[in-house]
Amino acid sequence: MRRVFVITGTDTGAGKTVFAAALANAIEADYWKPIQCGTDGGTDTLRVQELGGLSNDRVIPETYRFKLPLSPHRAAELEGIKIDTAKLNPPDGSQPLVIEGAGGLLVPIKRELLFADVFARWELPVILCARTSLGTINHTLLSIEAMRVRDIIIHGVAFIGHENADNERTICEIGGIKNLGRLPQLEALTAATLSDGFKNNFRLEDFA
């Protein structure tokens, strides 16, 4: 069976793009971000390709790309584009695939549709990226509840940031979720340091 993982975060800037790059590199997966909002300074797809060392044939173009760094529903409205959710089905293929959402689970794609609703429809395992800093317990547990309400398959949580053992333990105990590992804060973020950071803190068998 094809390995496919959906990457989401507790909020914007939680580190899911960096984690997606690390995971795609580690399991030799293709990468797809269905919706990109904000293109000034580059895109998440280009960043993942650079940090994950992915060749062009392993990167699937975004289905929708909007200039403004806003929620997809609003970015689409301002550009006069109507998002067709039928075009958001995961692409076919035989290679492992890493899919990255935009923002968090309850970010609206359209005014009547959230990312969490699409993830539930896909019936694919979701990895939740969470910060280790103050506020992460609340954000992460709320995200877990949002997934469970929709019967989303939760593969586990990937923590990102400086070590905070009690936060990590508390989240996993209360949320009943698997701790996949923690990607530490890297002084120099490069493809090489990210690859090492993943290898040293995650187990490949957890993504089999």
N, C-alpha and C. Protein backbone atom coordinates (compact mmCIF):
# COMPACT_ATOMS: atom_id res chain seq x y z
N MET A 1 0.85 -1.20 0.00
CA MET A 1 0.00 0.00 0.00
C MET A 1 0.88 1.25 0.00
N ARG A 2 0.47 2.26 -0.74
CA ARG A 2 1.23 3.50 -0.83
C ARG A 2 1.23 4.23 0.51
N ARG A 3 2.38 4.71 0.92
CA ARG A 3 2.48 5.50 2.15
C ARG A 3 2.15 6.96 1.85
N VAL A 4 1.13 7.47 2.52
CA VAL A 4 0.75 8.88 2.37
C VAL A 4 0.52 9.46 3.75
N PHE A 5 1.13 10.61 4.02
CA PHE A 5 0.95 11.31 5.28
C PHE A 5 0.52 12.74 5.02
N VAL A 6 -0.46 13.19 5.78
CA VAL A 6 -0.91 14.58 5.72
C VAL A 6 -0.27 15.32 6.89
N ILE A 7 0.33 16.46 6.61
CA ILE A 7 0.99 17.25 7.65
C ILE A 7 0.16 18.50 7.92
N THR A 8 -0.21 18.66 9.18
CA THR A 8 -0.92 19.87 9.59
C THR A 8 -0.25 20.42 10.84
N GLY A 9 -0.67 21.61 11.26
CA GLY A 9 -0.05 22.22 12.42
C GLY A 9 -1.09 22.77 13.38
N THR A 10 -0.64 23.07 14.59
CA THR A 10 -1.55 23.67 15.56
C THR A 10 -1.89 25.10 15.17
N ASP A 11 -1.02 25.73 14.39
CA ASP A 11 -1.26 27.08 13.89
C ASP A 11 -0.22 27.42 12.84
N THR A 12 -0.36 28.59 12.22
CA THR A 12 0.61 29.03 11.24
C THR A 12 1.96 29.26 11.90
N GLY A 13 3.01 28.75 11.28
CA GLY A 13 4.34 28.95 11.83
C GLY A 13 4.76 27.91 12.85
N ALA A 14 3.99 26.84 12.97
CA ALA A 14 4.34 25.80 13.95
C ALA A 14 5.55 24.98 13.52
N GLY A 15 5.89 25.05 12.23
CA GLY A 15 7.05 24.32 11.75
C GLY A 15 6.72 23.15 10.85
N LYS A 16 5.48 23.10 10.36
CA LYS A 16 5.07 21.93 9.57
C LYS A 16 5.78 21.85 8.23
N THR A 17 6.14 22.99 7.64
CA THR A 17 6.83 22.96 6.35
C THR A 17 8.22 22.35 6.50
N VAL A 18 8.92 22.74 7.55
CA VAL A 18 10.25 22.18 7.81
C VAL A 18 10.14 20.69 8.10
N PHE A 19 9.14 20.30 8.90
CA PHE A 19 8.96 18.88 9.19
C PHE A 19 8.60 18.12 7.92
N ALA A 20 7.74 18.69 7.08
CA ALA A 20 7.34 18.03 5.84
C ALA A 20 8.56 17.77 4.96
N ALA A 21 9.48 18.73 4.92
CA ALA A 21 10.71 18.56 4.13
C ALA A 21 11.56 17.43 4.70
N ALA A 22 11.67 17.40 6.02
CA ALA A 22 12.47 16.35 6.67
C ALA A 22 11.87 14.97 6.43
N LEU A 23 10.55 14.87 6.54
CA LEU A 23 9.89 13.58 6.36
C LEU A 23 9.97 13.12 4.91
N ALA A 24 9.73 14.03 3.98
CA ALA A 24 9.80 13.67 2.55
C ALA A 24 11.18 13.14 2.19
N ASN A 25 12.20 13.78 2.75
CA ASN A 25 13.57 13.32 2.50
C ASN A 25 13.80 11.95 3.12
N ALA A 26 13.34 11.77 4.35
CA ALA A 26 13.61 10.54 5.09
C ALA A 26 12.96 9.31 4.47
N ILE A 27 11.73 9.46 3.98
CA ILE A 27 11.02 8.30 3.43
C ILE A 27 10.99 8.31 1.91
N GLU A 28 11.78 9.23 1.31
CA GLU A 28 11.90 9.33 -0.15
C GLU A 28 10.53 9.51 -0.80
N ALA A 29 9.80 10.49 -0.28
CA ALA A 29 8.44 10.74 -0.74
C ALA A 29 8.36 11.90 -1.71
N ASP A 30 7.29 11.91 -2.50
CA ASP A 30 6.92 13.09 -3.27
C ASP A 30 6.26 14.07 -2.30
N TYR A 31 6.12 15.32 -2.74
CA TYR A 31 5.54 16.36 -1.89
C TYR A 31 4.47 17.13 -2.66
N TRP A 32 3.37 17.41 -1.95
CA TRP A 32 2.28 18.19 -2.57
C TRP A 32 1.65 19.10 -1.53
N LYS A 33 1.59 20.38 -1.86
CA LYS A 33 0.84 21.34 -1.04
C LYS A 33 -0.32 21.81 -1.91
N PRO A 34 -1.54 21.37 -1.62
CA PRO A 34 -2.67 21.67 -2.51
C PRO A 34 -2.92 23.17 -2.69
N ILE A 35 -2.79 23.95 -1.61
CA ILE A 35 -3.11 25.38 -1.68
C ILE A 35 -1.97 26.18 -1.04
N GLN A 36 -1.42 27.10 -1.81
CA GLN A 36 -0.38 28.00 -1.32
C GLN A 36 -0.95 29.41 -1.25
N CYS A 37 -0.86 30.02 -0.09
CA CYS A 37 -1.28 31.41 0.08
C CYS A 37 -0.08 32.25 0.48
N GLY A 38 0.23 33.24 -0.34
CA GLY A 38 1.40 34.07 -0.11
C GLY A 38 2.56 33.57 -0.93
N THR A 39 3.00 34.38 -1.89
CA THR A 39 4.09 33.96 -2.76
C THR A 39 5.30 34.88 -2.70
N ASP A 40 5.19 36.01 -2.02
CA ASP A 40 6.35 36.89 -1.87
C ASP A 40 7.41 36.20 -1.02
N GLY A 41 8.62 36.20 -1.53
CA GLY A 41 9.70 35.55 -0.78
C GLY A 41 9.76 34.05 -0.97
N GLY A 42 9.03 33.53 -1.96
CA GLY A 42 9.06 32.10 -2.23
C GLY A 42 7.84 31.38 -1.68
N THR A 43 7.75 30.10 -1.97
CA THR A 43 6.61 29.29 -1.56
C THR A 43 7.07 28.15 -0.66
N ASP A 44 6.12 27.52 0.01
CA ASP A 44 6.45 26.36 0.85
C ASP A 44 6.98 25.22 -0.01
N THR A 45 6.45 25.08 -1.22
CA THR A 45 6.91 24.02 -2.10
C THR A 45 8.39 24.17 -2.42
N LEU A 46 8.80 25.39 -2.75
CA LEU A 46 10.21 25.63 -3.05
C LEU A 46 11.09 25.41 -1.82
N ARG A 47 10.57 25.79 -0.66
CA ARG A 47 11.35 25.61 0.57
C ARG A 47 11.51 24.13 0.89
N VAL A 48 10.43 23.36 0.72
CA VAL A 48 10.51 21.93 0.97
C VAL A 48 11.47 21.27 -0.02
N GLN A 49 11.41 21.69 -1.26
CA GLN A 49 12.29 21.12 -2.27
C GLN A 49 13.76 21.38 -1.90
N GLU A 50 14.04 22.58 -1.43
CA GLU A 50 15.41 22.93 -1.06
C GLU A 50 15.86 22.20 0.20
N LEU A 51 15.04 22.26 1.26
CA LEU A 51 15.43 21.66 2.53
C LEU A 51 15.38 20.13 2.51
N GLY A 52 14.50 19.60 1.66
CA GLY A 52 14.38 18.14 1.58
C GLY A 52 15.26 17.52 0.52
N GLY A 53 15.92 18.37 -0.27
CA GLY A 53 16.76 17.86 -1.34
C GLY A 53 15.98 17.08 -2.38
N LEU A 54 14.77 17.57 -2.70
CA LEU A 54 13.89 16.85 -3.62
C LEU A 54 14.15 17.28 -5.07
N SER A 55 14.21 16.32 -5.95
CA SER A 55 14.34 16.61 -7.37
C SER A 55 13.00 17.12 -7.90
N ASN A 56 13.03 17.75 -9.07
CA ASN A 56 11.82 18.34 -9.64
C ASN A 56 10.70 17.34 -9.82
N ASP A 57 11.04 16.10 -10.16
CA ASP A 57 10.00 15.10 -10.42
C ASP A 57 9.33 14.60 -9.14
N ARG A 58 9.87 15.00 -7.98
CA ARG A 58 9.25 14.60 -6.70
C ARG A 58 8.39 15.70 -6.11
N VAL A 59 8.24 16.79 -6.83
CA VAL A 59 7.44 17.91 -6.35
C VAL A 59 6.22 18.09 -7.25
N ILE A 60 5.05 17.99 -6.67
CA ILE A 60 3.80 18.13 -7.41
C ILE A 60 3.32 19.57 -7.28
N PRO A 61 3.06 20.25 -8.39
CA PRO A 61 2.65 21.67 -8.31
C PRO A 61 1.38 21.86 -7.51
N GLU A 62 1.28 23.01 -6.88
CA GLU A 62 0.08 23.35 -6.13
C GLU A 62 -1.14 23.38 -7.05
N THR A 63 -2.28 22.98 -6.53
CA THR A 63 -3.52 23.08 -7.30
C THR A 63 -3.98 24.53 -7.36
N TYR A 64 -3.83 25.24 -6.25
CA TYR A 64 -4.18 26.66 -6.20
C TYR A 64 -3.02 27.41 -5.56
N ARG A 65 -2.69 28.56 -6.18
CA ARG A 65 -1.64 29.42 -5.64
C ARG A 65 -2.15 30.85 -5.62
N PHE A 66 -2.16 31.45 -4.43
CA PHE A 66 -2.67 32.81 -4.27
C PHE A 66 -1.54 33.74 -3.79
N LYS A 67 -1.58 34.97 -4.23
CA LYS A 67 -0.52 35.92 -3.91
C LYS A 67 -0.53 36.36 -2.47
N LEU A 68 -1.72 36.57 -1.91
CA LEU A 68 -1.82 37.15 -0.58
C LEU A 68 -1.65 36.10 0.53
N PRO A 69 -0.93 36.44 1.61
CA PRO A 69 -0.74 35.50 2.73
C PRO A 69 -1.93 35.53 3.68
N LEU A 70 -3.06 35.01 3.18
CA LEU A 70 -4.31 35.00 3.94
C LEU A 70 -4.85 33.58 3.98
N SER A 71 -5.93 33.40 4.73
CA SER A 71 -6.63 32.13 4.69
C SER A 71 -7.07 31.87 3.24
N PRO A 72 -7.05 30.61 2.78
CA PRO A 72 -7.40 30.32 1.40
C PRO A 72 -8.75 30.89 0.97
N HIS A 73 -9.74 30.82 1.85
CA HIS A 73 -11.07 31.28 1.44
C HIS A 73 -11.04 32.77 1.09
N ARG A 74 -10.30 33.54 1.88
CA ARG A 74 -10.26 34.99 1.65
C ARG A 74 -9.33 35.35 0.50
N ALA A 75 -8.20 34.67 0.41
CA ALA A 75 -7.28 34.92 -0.70
C ALA A 75 -7.96 34.63 -2.03
N ALA A 76 -8.73 33.55 -2.07
CA ALA A 76 -9.45 33.20 -3.30
C ALA A 76 -10.51 34.24 -3.64
N GLU A 77 -11.24 34.69 -2.64
CA GLU A 77 -12.27 35.70 -2.87
C GLU A 77 -11.68 36.98 -3.44
N LEU A 78 -10.57 37.42 -2.87
CA LEU A 78 -9.96 38.67 -3.32
C LEU A 78 -9.37 38.57 -4.72
N GLU A 79 -9.02 37.36 -5.14
CA GLU A 79 -8.50 37.17 -6.50
C GLU A 79 -9.59 36.73 -7.47
N GLY A 80 -10.82 36.63 -6.98
CA GLY A 80 -11.93 36.27 -7.85
C GLY A 80 -11.88 34.85 -8.34
N ILE A 81 -11.35 33.96 -7.52
CA ILE A 81 -11.22 32.55 -7.91
C ILE A 81 -12.11 31.70 -7.02
N LYS A 82 -12.82 30.78 -7.62
CA LYS A 82 -13.67 29.86 -6.87
C LYS A 82 -12.95 28.52 -6.75
N ILE A 83 -12.70 28.10 -5.54
CA ILE A 83 -11.98 26.85 -5.31
C ILE A 83 -12.91 25.66 -5.55
N ASP A 84 -12.47 24.77 -6.41
CA ASP A 84 -13.22 23.55 -6.72
C ASP A 84 -12.62 22.42 -5.88
N THR A 85 -13.35 21.98 -4.87
CA THR A 85 -12.81 20.98 -3.96
C THR A 85 -12.61 19.62 -4.63
N ALA A 86 -13.25 19.40 -5.77
CA ALA A 86 -13.04 18.15 -6.49
C ALA A 86 -11.61 18.05 -7.02
N LYS A 87 -10.95 19.20 -7.12
CA LYS A 87 -9.56 19.22 -7.61
C LYS A 87 -8.56 19.03 -6.48
N LEU A 88 -9.05 18.85 -5.26
CA LEU A 88 -8.16 18.73 -4.12
C LEU A 88 -7.93 17.29 -3.67
N ASN A 89 -8.28 16.34 -4.52
CA ASN A 89 -8.03 14.94 -4.18
C ASN A 89 -6.55 14.63 -4.34
N PRO A 90 -5.95 13.84 -3.45
CA PRO A 90 -4.53 13.51 -3.56
C PRO A 90 -4.20 12.90 -4.91
N PRO A 91 -3.09 13.31 -5.52
CA PRO A 91 -2.71 12.79 -6.83
C PRO A 91 -2.33 11.31 -6.76
N ASP A 92 -2.57 10.60 -7.85
CA ASP A 92 -2.21 9.19 -7.93
C ASP A 92 -0.70 9.05 -8.08
N GLY A 93 -0.21 7.88 -7.77
CA GLY A 93 1.21 7.59 -7.92
C GLY A 93 1.59 6.38 -7.09
N SER A 94 2.80 5.91 -7.27
CA SER A 94 3.28 4.75 -6.52
C SER A 94 4.27 5.14 -5.43
N GLN A 95 4.88 6.32 -5.54
CA GLN A 95 5.84 6.78 -4.55
C GLN A 95 5.14 7.21 -3.27
N PRO A 96 5.82 7.11 -2.13
CA PRO A 96 5.26 7.71 -0.91
C PRO A 96 4.96 9.18 -1.16
N LEU A 97 4.01 9.71 -0.41
CA LEU A 97 3.58 11.09 -0.63
C LEU A 97 3.40 11.81 0.70
N VAL A 98 3.93 13.03 0.78
CA VAL A 98 3.72 13.91 1.92
C VAL A 98 2.87 15.08 1.44
N ILE A 99 1.73 15.30 2.10
CA ILE A 99 0.81 16.39 1.75
C ILE A 99 0.82 17.39 2.89
N GLU A 100 0.98 18.66 2.55
CA GLU A 100 0.99 19.70 3.59
C GLU A 100 -0.22 20.62 3.45
N GLY A 101 -0.93 20.80 4.55
CA GLY A 101 -2.04 21.74 4.56
C GLY A 101 -1.54 23.17 4.72
N ALA A 102 -2.47 24.09 4.87
CA ALA A 102 -2.12 25.51 5.07
C ALA A 102 -2.65 25.94 6.43
N GLY A 103 -1.78 26.46 7.27
CA GLY A 103 -2.22 26.86 8.60
C GLY A 103 -2.63 25.66 9.43
N GLY A 104 -3.67 25.83 10.23
CA GLY A 104 -4.13 24.74 11.09
C GLY A 104 -5.35 24.03 10.55
N LEU A 105 -5.90 23.15 11.36
CA LEU A 105 -6.99 22.28 10.94
C LEU A 105 -8.28 23.03 10.60
N LEU A 106 -8.57 24.09 11.32
CA LEU A 106 -9.84 24.78 11.12
C LEU A 106 -9.71 26.02 10.23
N VAL A 107 -8.66 26.06 9.46
CA VAL A 107 -8.52 27.12 8.46
C VAL A 107 -9.52 26.85 7.33
N PRO A 108 -10.32 27.85 6.96
CA PRO A 108 -11.32 27.61 5.90
C PRO A 108 -10.72 27.63 4.50
N ILE A 109 -11.08 26.63 3.74
CA ILE A 109 -10.74 26.59 2.31
C ILE A 109 -11.77 27.40 1.55
N LYS A 110 -13.02 27.20 1.93
CA LYS A 110 -14.14 28.03 1.47
C LYS A 110 -14.95 28.35 2.72
N ARG A 111 -15.90 29.23 2.62
CA ARG A 111 -16.63 29.65 3.82
C ARG A 111 -17.43 28.50 4.44
N GLU A 112 -17.70 27.47 3.66
CA GLU A 112 -18.46 26.34 4.18
C GLU A 112 -17.61 25.07 4.31
N LEU A 113 -16.27 25.21 4.17
CA LEU A 113 -15.42 24.02 4.17
C LEU A 113 -14.07 24.32 4.83
N LEU A 114 -13.69 23.48 5.80
CA LEU A 114 -12.42 23.63 6.50
C LEU A 114 -11.42 22.58 6.04
N PHE A 115 -10.14 22.83 6.30
CA PHE A 115 -9.13 21.82 5.96
C PHE A 115 -9.43 20.51 6.67
N ALA A 116 -9.88 20.57 7.91
CA ALA A 116 -10.19 19.34 8.65
C ALA A 116 -11.26 18.51 7.95
N ASP A 117 -12.21 19.17 7.31
CA ASP A 117 -13.27 18.45 6.59
C ASP A 117 -12.69 17.69 5.40
N VAL A 118 -11.74 18.31 4.72
CA VAL A 118 -11.10 17.66 3.58
C VAL A 118 -10.22 16.50 4.05
N PHE A 119 -9.49 16.70 5.13
CA PHE A 119 -8.66 15.61 5.66
C PHE A 119 -9.53 14.41 6.04
N ALA A 120 -10.68 14.67 6.62
CA ALA A 120 -11.58 13.58 7.00
C ALA A 120 -12.06 12.83 5.75
N ARG A 121 -12.33 13.57 4.70
CA ARG A 121 -12.80 12.95 3.46
C ARG A 121 -11.72 12.08 2.84
N TRP A 122 -10.47 12.49 2.96
CA TRP A 122 -9.36 11.73 2.38
C TRP A 122 -9.14 10.39 3.09
N GLU A 123 -9.44 10.33 4.38
CA GLU A 123 -9.22 9.11 5.18
C GLU A 123 -7.75 8.69 5.14
N LEU A 124 -6.86 9.67 5.30
CA LEU A 124 -5.42 9.43 5.32
C LEU A 124 -4.88 9.79 6.71
N PRO A 125 -3.78 9.16 7.12
CA PRO A 125 -3.20 9.47 8.44
C PRO A 125 -2.62 10.88 8.47
N VAL A 126 -2.92 11.58 9.55
CA VAL A 126 -2.49 12.97 9.72
C VAL A 126 -1.46 13.06 10.83
N ILE A 127 -0.39 13.80 10.57
CA ILE A 127 0.63 14.09 11.57
C ILE A 127 0.45 15.54 12.00
N LEU A 128 0.30 15.75 13.29
CA LEU A 128 0.10 17.08 13.84
C LEU A 128 1.43 17.65 14.32
N CYS A 129 1.84 18.78 13.75
CA CYS A 129 3.06 19.45 14.19
C CYS A 129 2.71 20.48 15.25
N ALA A 130 3.41 20.40 16.38
CA ALA A 130 3.10 21.27 17.52
C ALA A 130 4.38 21.90 18.05
N ARG A 131 4.28 23.15 18.43
CA ARG A 131 5.40 23.80 19.10
C ARG A 131 5.60 23.17 20.48
N THR A 132 6.77 23.44 21.06
CA THR A 132 7.01 23.00 22.43
C THR A 132 6.88 24.16 23.42
N SER A 133 6.63 25.34 22.91
CA SER A 133 6.64 26.55 23.74
C SER A 133 5.32 26.76 24.48
N LEU A 134 5.26 27.83 25.27
CA LEU A 134 4.09 28.15 26.07
C LEU A 134 2.84 28.27 25.19
N GLY A 135 1.76 27.67 25.62
CA GLY A 135 0.50 27.71 24.88
C GLY A 135 0.26 26.47 24.04
N THR A 136 1.29 25.62 23.91
CA THR A 136 1.16 24.47 23.03
C THR A 136 0.17 23.43 23.55
N ILE A 137 0.02 23.31 24.87
CA ILE A 137 -0.90 22.30 25.41
C ILE A 137 -2.32 22.59 24.94
N ASN A 138 -2.76 23.81 25.12
CA ASN A 138 -4.11 24.19 24.71
C ASN A 138 -4.30 24.03 23.21
N HIS A 139 -3.39 24.59 22.42
CA HIS A 139 -3.52 24.53 20.96
C HIS A 139 -3.53 23.09 20.44
N THR A 140 -2.66 22.28 21.01
CA THR A 140 -2.53 20.92 20.51
C THR A 140 -3.72 20.05 20.90
N LEU A 141 -4.18 20.18 22.15
CA LEU A 141 -5.34 19.39 22.57
C LEU A 141 -6.60 19.80 21.82
N LEU A 142 -6.75 21.08 21.54
CA LEU A 142 -7.89 21.53 20.74
C LEU A 142 -7.82 20.93 19.33
N SER A 143 -6.62 20.88 18.76
CA SER A 143 -6.46 20.31 17.42
C SER A 143 -6.79 18.82 17.42
N ILE A 144 -6.36 18.12 18.47
CA ILE A 144 -6.67 16.70 18.58
C ILE A 144 -8.18 16.48 18.68
N GLU A 145 -8.85 17.31 19.47
CA GLU A 145 -10.31 17.20 19.57
C GLU A 145 -10.98 17.43 18.23
N ALA A 146 -10.51 18.43 17.49
CA ALA A 146 -11.09 18.74 16.18
C ALA A 146 -10.95 17.55 15.23
N MET A 147 -9.84 16.83 15.32
CA MET A 147 -9.65 15.65 14.46
C MET A 147 -10.53 14.49 14.91
N ARG A 148 -10.61 14.28 16.21
CA ARG A 148 -11.39 13.14 16.70
C ARG A 148 -12.88 13.32 16.40
N VAL A 149 -13.38 14.52 16.49
CA VAL A 149 -14.79 14.79 16.19
C VAL A 149 -15.11 14.37 14.76
N ARG A 150 -14.13 14.49 13.87
CA ARG A 150 -14.34 14.19 12.45
C ARG A 150 -13.84 12.80 12.06
N ASP A 151 -13.42 12.02 13.04
CA ASP A 151 -12.90 10.67 12.79
C ASP A 151 -11.69 10.67 11.86
N ILE A 152 -10.87 11.71 11.98
CA ILE A 152 -9.62 11.77 11.21
C ILE A 152 -8.62 10.80 11.82
N ILE A 153 -7.90 10.12 10.97
CA ILE A 153 -6.87 9.18 11.43
C ILE A 153 -5.67 9.99 11.93
N ILE A 154 -5.37 9.88 13.21
CA ILE A 154 -4.26 10.63 13.80
C ILE A 154 -3.04 9.70 13.90
N HIS A 155 -2.03 9.99 13.10
CA HIS A 155 -0.83 9.15 13.12
C HIS A 155 0.03 9.46 14.34
N GLY A 156 0.04 10.70 14.76
CA GLY A 156 0.82 11.08 15.92
C GLY A 156 1.15 12.56 15.89
N VAL A 157 1.89 12.99 16.90
CA VAL A 157 2.30 14.39 16.99
C VAL A 157 3.81 14.49 16.85
N ALA A 158 4.26 15.47 16.08
CA ALA A 158 5.68 15.77 15.95
C ALA A 158 5.92 17.12 16.60
N PHE A 159 6.71 17.12 17.65
CA PHE A 159 7.01 18.37 18.34
C PHE A 159 8.16 19.09 17.65
N ILE A 160 8.13 20.41 17.72
CA ILE A 160 9.16 21.20 17.05
C ILE A 160 9.60 22.32 17.98
N GLY A 161 10.89 22.38 18.26
CA GLY A 161 11.42 23.43 19.12
C GLY A 161 12.32 22.89 20.21
N HIS A 162 12.64 23.76 21.16
CA HIS A 162 13.49 23.36 22.29
C HIS A 162 12.76 22.34 23.16
N GLU A 163 13.54 21.51 23.82
CA GLU A 163 12.95 20.45 24.64
C GLU A 163 12.08 21.03 25.75
N ASN A 164 10.89 20.47 25.88
CA ASN A 164 9.98 20.78 26.98
C ASN A 164 9.27 19.47 27.32
N ALA A 165 9.97 18.64 28.06
CA ALA A 165 9.52 17.26 28.29
C ALA A 165 8.14 17.19 28.93
N ASP A 166 7.84 18.09 29.87
CA ASP A 166 6.55 18.00 30.54
C ASP A 166 5.41 18.37 29.58
N ASN A 167 5.60 19.40 28.76
CA ASN A 167 4.57 19.75 27.78
C ASN A 167 4.28 18.58 26.85
N GLU A 168 5.34 17.95 26.37
CA GLU A 168 5.18 16.82 25.45
C GLU A 168 4.45 15.67 26.13
N ARG A 169 4.87 15.34 27.35
CA ARG A 169 4.23 14.22 28.07
C ARG A 169 2.78 14.53 28.37
N THR A 170 2.50 15.76 28.80
CA THR A 170 1.13 16.15 29.15
C THR A 170 0.20 16.04 27.95
N ILE A 171 0.65 16.54 26.81
CA ILE A 171 -0.15 16.49 25.60
C ILE A 171 -0.46 15.05 25.20
N CYS A 172 0.56 14.20 25.23
CA CYS A 172 0.37 12.83 24.78
C CYS A 172 -0.49 12.02 25.75
N GLU A 173 -0.35 12.30 27.05
CA GLU A 173 -1.16 11.59 28.04
C GLU A 173 -2.62 12.01 27.97
N ILE A 174 -2.86 13.31 27.98
CA ILE A 174 -4.25 13.80 27.97
C ILE A 174 -4.90 13.57 26.61
N GLY A 175 -4.13 13.79 25.56
CA GLY A 175 -4.67 13.66 24.20
C GLY A 175 -4.72 12.22 23.70
N GLY A 176 -4.04 11.30 24.40
CA GLY A 176 -4.02 9.92 23.95
C GLY A 176 -3.43 9.79 22.56
N ILE A 177 -2.30 10.48 22.34
CA ILE A 177 -1.71 10.54 21.01
C ILE A 177 -0.26 10.10 21.07
N LYS A 178 0.22 9.50 20.01
CA LYS A 178 1.60 8.99 19.96
C LYS A 178 2.59 10.14 19.75
N ASN A 179 3.65 10.14 20.52
CA ASN A 179 4.74 11.10 20.35
C ASN A 179 5.72 10.53 19.34
N LEU A 180 5.75 11.12 18.16
CA LEU A 180 6.62 10.62 17.09
C LEU A 180 8.06 11.07 17.29
N GLY A 181 8.26 12.17 18.02
CA GLY A 181 9.59 12.69 18.23
C GLY A 181 9.57 14.21 18.27
N ARG A 182 10.75 14.78 18.43
CA ARG A 182 10.86 16.23 18.47
C ARG A 182 11.99 16.70 17.57
N LEU A 183 11.66 17.61 16.67
CA LEU A 183 12.67 18.22 15.82
C LEU A 183 13.23 19.43 16.56
N PRO A 184 14.50 19.40 16.92
CA PRO A 184 15.05 20.49 17.74
C PRO A 184 15.24 21.78 16.93
N GLN A 185 15.40 22.86 17.65
CA GLN A 185 15.73 24.14 17.02
C GLN A 185 17.13 24.01 16.45
N LEU A 186 17.28 24.24 15.15
CA LEU A 186 18.57 24.09 14.49
C LEU A 186 19.21 25.46 14.31
N GLU A 187 20.45 25.60 14.72
CA GLU A 187 21.13 26.89 14.61
C GLU A 187 21.26 27.30 13.14
N ALA A 188 21.64 26.36 12.31
CA ALA A 188 21.73 26.61 10.86
C ALA A 188 20.81 25.62 10.18
N LEU A 189 19.77 26.14 9.52
CA LEU A 189 18.79 25.26 8.88
C LEU A 189 19.19 25.04 7.43
N THR A 190 19.71 23.85 7.15
CA THR A 190 20.10 23.45 5.81
C THR A 190 19.56 22.05 5.56
N ALA A 191 19.65 21.60 4.32
CA ALA A 191 19.21 20.25 4.00
C ALA A 191 19.96 19.22 4.84
N ALA A 192 21.25 19.43 5.03
CA ALA A 192 22.08 18.48 5.78
C ALA A 192 21.73 18.47 7.26
N THR A 193 21.62 19.67 7.88
CA THR A 193 21.32 19.71 9.32
C THR A 193 19.91 19.21 9.60
N LEU A 194 18.98 19.48 8.67
CA LEU A 194 17.60 19.01 8.86
C LEU A 194 17.53 17.49 8.76
N SER A 195 18.25 16.94 7.81
CA SER A 195 18.27 15.49 7.66
C SER A 195 18.84 14.82 8.91
N ASP A 196 19.92 15.37 9.43
CA ASP A 196 20.52 14.83 10.65
C ASP A 196 19.59 14.99 11.84
N GLY A 197 18.93 16.16 11.92
CA GLY A 197 18.01 16.40 13.02
C GLY A 197 16.87 15.41 13.04
N PHE A 198 16.37 15.05 11.86
CA PHE A 198 15.29 14.07 11.78
C PHE A 198 15.80 12.68 12.16
N LYS A 199 16.93 12.29 11.59
CA LYS A 199 17.47 10.95 11.85
C LYS A 199 17.78 10.74 13.33
N ASN A 200 18.21 11.80 14.00
CA ASN A 200 18.61 11.67 15.40
C ASN A 200 17.44 11.74 16.38
N ASN A 201 16.26 12.11 15.90
CA ASN A 201 15.15 12.33 16.83
C ASN A 201 13.85 11.62 16.46
N PHE A 202 13.83 10.95 15.32
CA PHE A 202 12.64 10.21 14.89
C PHE A 202 13.05 8.81 14.46
N ARG A 203 12.12 7.88 14.51
CA ARG A 203 12.38 6.51 14.08
C ARG A 203 11.66 6.25 12.77
N LEU A 204 12.39 5.79 11.77
CA LEU A 204 11.78 5.55 10.47
C LEU A 204 10.65 4.53 10.54
N GLU A 205 10.75 3.57 11.45
CA GLU A 205 9.71 2.55 11.55
C GLU A 205 8.36 3.13 11.96
N ASP A 206 8.37 4.31 12.57
CA ASP A 206 7.10 4.97 12.92
C ASP A 206 6.39 5.53 11.70
N PHE A 207 7.06 5.54 10.57
CA PHE A 207 6.46 6.07 9.33
C PHE A 207 6.38 4.98 8.27
N ALA A 208 6.43 3.74 8.70
CA ALA A 208 6.36 2.62 7.76
C ALA A 208 4.93 2.41 7.29
